[in-house]
Amino acid sequence: MWPTRLSDKQEQGRKWEDAAQLYLQRHGLVLIEANFRCKLGEIDLIMRDGLTLVFVEVRQRAAGSQVGAAASIGPAKVRRIVRAAQVYLQRFARMPPCRIDVIAIDGTRIEWLKNAIDGTS
């Protein structure tokens, strides 16, 4: 749930997360939860791809940026994503198959990187 008043940066982030969600839904994924937050990190989108639970990190960079969207995910961010996914998975009695994907948006080009982050980090 988004706060009632968003900063310009938050508004832009929401726009790109919404675009990523629609893109994935057009490819058959089903939204489970958006903006899952815990004290250890956050997950932009949690979706289902068949029987697989998919944690999605959405990254956007302007066209022509020196560092692309996917490359902007550093080791600290990876740790926060993995830890947040581990917290989310504690609600299951049996671990479902899962993966961590990245939606990288450079300018207006969307790239879906499946299993982009190793969850054992």
Foldseek 3Di string as FASTA:
>chain_A
DDDPDDDPVVVVVVVQLVVVVVVVVVVPKAWDDAFDDDPLATFGTWIDDPQEIEGEAEFEDEAPDPAFRLRPCDPSNLRSSLVSVVVVQVVDPDRTHYAYWYFTHYRNDTDIGTNSHDSVD
